[in-house]
Amino acid sequence: MDHTLYLIQSSASATQTILAKLKQIYNPHDHVVFLGESVAMLNQIDIEQFSSCYCLETEQVLLNPDLVSSLTILDYAEFADLVLQFKRCISLK
């Protein structure tokens, strides 16, 4: 089975709707990267279902400080390496 990398690039107002959709299709071996405004809208309940969550280092300032230990913070090179590990990448906006 192929694993999927989900890129969550939603606006702040759409983040909860996107997370609800993601929870329906997410598989425990998938990975999730939160980008842009979606980072600012996260809380512990939102991400507890996802085993592998990431945030870009440049967007860490938007992240609730309580969640820093729950996500892996990536620089751009690490993000590129992560993307190259997947055959399937889905962007949810």
N, C-alpha and C. Protein backbone atom coordinates (compact mmCIF):
# COMPACT_ATOMS: atom_id res chain seq x y z
N MET A 1 0.84 -1.19 0.00
CA MET A 1 0.00 0.00 0.00
C MET A 1 0.88 1.25 0.00
N ASP A 2 0.56 2.19 -0.87
CA ASP A 2 1.29 3.45 -0.92
C ASP A 2 0.84 4.36 0.20
N HIS A 3 1.80 5.01 0.78
CA HIS A 3 1.50 5.99 1.81
C HIS A 3 1.33 7.34 1.13
N THR A 4 0.60 8.22 1.77
CA THR A 4 0.29 9.52 1.20
C THR A 4 0.86 10.63 2.07
N LEU A 5 1.37 11.65 1.42
CA LEU A 5 1.78 12.87 2.10
C LEU A 5 0.70 13.90 1.84
N TYR A 6 0.10 14.39 2.91
CA TYR A 6 -0.93 15.42 2.80
C TYR A 6 -0.33 16.77 3.14
N LEU A 7 -0.53 17.73 2.26
CA LEU A 7 -0.10 19.11 2.50
C LEU A 7 -1.35 19.92 2.80
N ILE A 8 -1.45 20.40 4.02
CA ILE A 8 -2.62 21.18 4.44
C ILE A 8 -2.27 22.65 4.28
N GLN A 9 -2.88 23.28 3.28
CA GLN A 9 -2.57 24.66 2.93
C GLN A 9 -3.82 25.54 3.00
N SER A 10 -4.68 25.23 3.92
CA SER A 10 -5.96 25.92 3.99
C SER A 10 -5.86 27.30 4.62
N SER A 11 -6.84 28.11 4.32
CA SER A 11 -6.96 29.40 5.00
C SER A 11 -7.38 29.12 6.44
N ALA A 12 -7.23 30.10 7.29
CA ALA A 12 -7.60 29.94 8.70
C ALA A 12 -9.07 29.54 8.82
N SER A 13 -9.93 30.14 8.04
CA SER A 13 -11.36 29.86 8.15
C SER A 13 -11.75 28.48 7.63
N ALA A 14 -10.94 27.89 6.75
CA ALA A 14 -11.26 26.59 6.18
C ALA A 14 -10.55 25.43 6.88
N THR A 15 -9.66 25.71 7.81
CA THR A 15 -8.83 24.66 8.41
C THR A 15 -9.65 23.57 9.09
N GLN A 16 -10.63 23.91 9.88
CA GLN A 16 -11.42 22.89 10.58
C GLN A 16 -12.17 21.98 9.60
N THR A 17 -12.68 22.54 8.51
CA THR A 17 -13.35 21.74 7.49
C THR A 17 -12.37 20.78 6.82
N ILE A 18 -11.19 21.27 6.51
CA ILE A 18 -10.15 20.44 5.88
C ILE A 18 -9.71 19.34 6.83
N LEU A 19 -9.55 19.65 8.10
CA LEU A 19 -9.15 18.62 9.08
C LEU A 19 -10.21 17.53 9.20
N ALA A 20 -11.47 17.91 9.15
CA ALA A 20 -12.56 16.92 9.21
C ALA A 20 -12.49 15.99 8.00
N LYS A 21 -12.22 16.53 6.81
CA LYS A 21 -12.08 15.71 5.61
C LYS A 21 -10.86 14.79 5.73
N LEU A 22 -9.76 15.35 6.21
CA LEU A 22 -8.53 14.58 6.35
C LEU A 22 -8.72 13.40 7.30
N LYS A 23 -9.42 13.60 8.39
CA LYS A 23 -9.64 12.53 9.36
C LYS A 23 -10.42 11.37 8.75
N GLN A 24 -11.20 11.63 7.72
CA GLN A 24 -11.97 10.58 7.06
C GLN A 24 -11.11 9.74 6.12
N ILE A 25 -10.06 10.31 5.56
CA ILE A 25 -9.26 9.60 4.56
C ILE A 25 -7.86 9.22 5.05
N TYR A 26 -7.48 9.71 6.20
CA TYR A 26 -6.14 9.48 6.74
C TYR A 26 -5.93 8.02 7.11
N ASN A 27 -4.75 7.53 6.84
CA ASN A 27 -4.32 6.18 7.18
C ASN A 27 -3.13 6.33 8.15
N PRO A 28 -2.98 5.48 9.14
CA PRO A 28 -1.92 5.65 10.15
C PRO A 28 -0.49 5.73 9.61
N HIS A 29 -0.28 5.30 8.38
CA HIS A 29 1.07 5.38 7.80
C HIS A 29 1.28 6.64 6.96
N ASP A 30 0.27 7.46 6.84
CA ASP A 30 0.37 8.70 6.08
C ASP A 30 1.08 9.77 6.91
N HIS A 31 1.52 10.80 6.24
CA HIS A 31 2.18 11.93 6.90
C HIS A 31 1.45 13.21 6.53
N VAL A 32 1.49 14.19 7.43
CA VAL A 32 0.76 15.44 7.22
C VAL A 32 1.69 16.62 7.48
N VAL A 33 1.74 17.55 6.52
CA VAL A 33 2.51 18.78 6.68
C VAL A 33 1.51 19.94 6.71
N PHE A 34 1.57 20.73 7.77
CA PHE A 34 0.71 21.90 7.89
C PHE A 34 1.49 23.12 7.42
N LEU A 35 0.87 23.91 6.56
CA LEU A 35 1.52 25.07 5.95
C LEU A 35 0.64 26.31 6.10
N GLY A 36 1.28 27.45 6.13
CA GLY A 36 0.56 28.72 6.12
C GLY A 36 -0.38 28.91 7.29
N GLU A 37 -1.54 29.48 6.99
CA GLU A 37 -2.52 29.82 8.03
C GLU A 37 -3.02 28.62 8.81
N SER A 38 -3.00 27.44 8.20
CA SER A 38 -3.49 26.25 8.90
C SER A 38 -2.69 25.99 10.17
N VAL A 39 -1.42 26.36 10.17
CA VAL A 39 -0.55 26.16 11.35
C VAL A 39 -1.11 26.93 12.55
N ALA A 40 -1.57 28.14 12.30
CA ALA A 40 -2.05 29.00 13.38
C ALA A 40 -3.35 28.49 14.01
N MET A 41 -4.06 27.64 13.29
CA MET A 41 -5.38 27.19 13.76
C MET A 41 -5.33 25.85 14.50
N LEU A 42 -4.18 25.23 14.60
CA LEU A 42 -4.08 23.89 15.18
C LEU A 42 -4.18 23.88 16.69
N ASN A 43 -4.75 22.80 17.21
CA ASN A 43 -4.72 22.54 18.65
C ASN A 43 -4.43 21.05 18.83
N GLN A 44 -4.21 20.62 20.05
CA GLN A 44 -3.81 19.25 20.33
C GLN A 44 -4.85 18.24 19.85
N ILE A 45 -6.11 18.54 20.02
CA ILE A 45 -7.18 17.63 19.60
C ILE A 45 -7.15 17.44 18.08
N ASP A 46 -6.83 18.51 17.33
CA ASP A 46 -6.78 18.43 15.87
C ASP A 46 -5.73 17.46 15.38
N ILE A 47 -4.60 17.40 16.06
CA ILE A 47 -3.49 16.61 15.52
C ILE A 47 -3.27 15.27 16.21
N GLU A 48 -3.99 14.98 17.27
CA GLU A 48 -3.72 13.75 18.02
C GLU A 48 -3.96 12.48 17.21
N GLN A 49 -4.82 12.52 16.22
CA GLN A 49 -5.10 11.35 15.39
C GLN A 49 -3.97 11.07 14.39
N PHE A 50 -3.17 12.06 14.09
CA PHE A 50 -2.14 11.93 13.06
C PHE A 50 -0.80 11.56 13.68
N SER A 51 -0.22 10.46 13.23
CA SER A 51 1.01 9.98 13.85
C SER A 51 2.26 10.72 13.38
N SER A 52 2.26 11.25 12.19
CA SER A 52 3.43 11.95 11.65
C SER A 52 3.02 13.31 11.12
N CYS A 53 3.23 14.34 11.93
CA CYS A 53 2.84 15.71 11.58
C CYS A 53 4.07 16.59 11.51
N TYR A 54 4.03 17.54 10.58
CA TYR A 54 5.17 18.42 10.36
C TYR A 54 4.70 19.86 10.19
N CYS A 55 5.64 20.76 10.39
CA CYS A 55 5.44 22.19 10.18
C CYS A 55 6.77 22.74 9.68
N LEU A 56 6.73 23.68 8.77
CA LEU A 56 7.96 24.30 8.31
C LEU A 56 8.53 25.22 9.38
N GLU A 57 9.83 25.23 9.47
CA GLU A 57 10.55 26.05 10.45
C GLU A 57 10.16 27.52 10.33
N THR A 58 9.98 27.99 9.11
CA THR A 58 9.64 29.41 8.90
C THR A 58 8.23 29.75 9.37
N GLU A 59 7.38 28.73 9.53
CA GLU A 59 6.01 28.97 9.97
C GLU A 59 5.78 28.57 11.42
N GLN A 60 6.84 28.19 12.09
CA GLN A 60 6.74 27.79 13.49
C GLN A 60 6.24 28.92 14.37
N VAL A 61 6.49 30.16 13.98
CA VAL A 61 6.03 31.31 14.76
C VAL A 61 4.50 31.37 14.84
N LEU A 62 3.82 30.75 13.89
CA LEU A 62 2.36 30.71 13.88
C LEU A 62 1.80 29.61 14.77
N LEU A 63 2.65 28.67 15.16
CA LEU A 63 2.23 27.48 15.89
C LEU A 63 2.04 27.75 17.37
N ASN A 64 0.98 27.21 17.92
CA ASN A 64 0.76 27.26 19.36
C ASN A 64 1.99 26.63 20.04
N PRO A 65 2.66 27.33 20.94
CA PRO A 65 3.88 26.80 21.57
C PRO A 65 3.69 25.44 22.25
N ASP A 66 2.48 25.14 22.69
CA ASP A 66 2.21 23.85 23.32
C ASP A 66 2.29 22.69 22.34
N LEU A 67 2.25 22.98 21.06
CA LEU A 67 2.25 21.92 20.05
C LEU A 67 3.62 21.63 19.45
N VAL A 68 4.61 22.42 19.81
CA VAL A 68 5.95 22.26 19.22
C VAL A 68 6.47 20.83 19.40
N SER A 69 6.22 20.22 20.54
CA SER A 69 6.71 18.86 20.77
C SER A 69 5.87 17.81 20.05
N SER A 70 4.71 18.18 19.54
CA SER A 70 3.82 17.23 18.87
C SER A 70 4.05 17.15 17.36
N LEU A 71 4.78 18.12 16.83
CA LEU A 71 5.06 18.16 15.40
C LEU A 71 6.56 18.15 15.18
N THR A 72 6.97 17.65 14.04
CA THR A 72 8.37 17.72 13.65
C THR A 72 8.54 19.00 12.85
N ILE A 73 9.49 19.81 13.26
CA ILE A 73 9.76 21.08 12.58
C ILE A 73 10.80 20.83 11.49
N LEU A 74 10.48 21.24 10.27
CA LEU A 74 11.35 20.99 9.12
C LEU A 74 11.90 22.27 8.53
N ASP A 75 13.18 22.25 8.10
CA ASP A 75 13.67 23.34 7.27
C ASP A 75 13.33 22.97 5.82
N TYR A 76 13.66 23.84 4.86
CA TYR A 76 13.25 23.57 3.48
C TYR A 76 13.91 22.33 2.90
N ALA A 77 15.17 22.08 3.23
CA ALA A 77 15.86 20.89 2.71
C ALA A 77 15.21 19.62 3.26
N GLU A 78 14.87 19.61 4.53
CA GLU A 78 14.20 18.45 5.11
C GLU A 78 12.81 18.24 4.51
N PHE A 79 12.12 19.34 4.24
CA PHE A 79 10.81 19.27 3.60
C PHE A 79 10.94 18.65 2.20
N ALA A 80 11.93 19.08 1.44
CA ALA A 80 12.15 18.53 0.10
C ALA A 80 12.47 17.04 0.19
N ASP A 81 13.30 16.65 1.13
CA ASP A 81 13.62 15.23 1.32
C ASP A 81 12.37 14.42 1.66
N LEU A 82 11.52 14.98 2.51
CA LEU A 82 10.28 14.30 2.89
C LEU A 82 9.38 14.10 1.67
N VAL A 83 9.19 15.13 0.89
CA VAL A 83 8.33 15.06 -0.29
C VAL A 83 8.83 13.98 -1.25
N LEU A 84 10.12 13.87 -1.41
CA LEU A 84 10.69 12.90 -2.35
C LEU A 84 10.50 11.45 -1.90
N GLN A 85 10.12 11.23 -0.66
CA GLN A 85 9.90 9.88 -0.16
C GLN A 85 8.53 9.32 -0.56
N PHE A 86 7.67 10.16 -1.12
CA PHE A 86 6.29 9.75 -1.40
C PHE A 86 6.00 9.72 -2.90
N LYS A 87 5.24 8.73 -3.30
CA LYS A 87 4.77 8.65 -4.68
C LYS A 87 3.48 9.45 -4.84
N ARG A 88 2.77 9.63 -3.72
CA ARG A 88 1.48 10.32 -3.77
C ARG A 88 1.47 11.46 -2.76
N CYS A 89 1.16 12.65 -3.27
CA CYS A 89 1.09 13.85 -2.43
C CYS A 89 -0.22 14.56 -2.77
N ILE A 90 -0.99 14.85 -1.73
CA ILE A 90 -2.29 15.49 -1.91
C ILE A 90 -2.31 16.81 -1.14
N SER A 91 -2.68 17.87 -1.84
CA SER A 91 -2.79 19.18 -1.21
C SER A 91 -4.26 19.45 -0.92
N LEU A 92 -4.54 19.79 0.33
CA LEU A 92 -5.91 20.14 0.73
C LEU A 92 -5.91 21.63 1.07
N LYS A 93 -6.78 22.37 0.39
CA LYS A 93 -6.82 23.83 0.59
C LYS A 93 -8.18 24.27 1.03
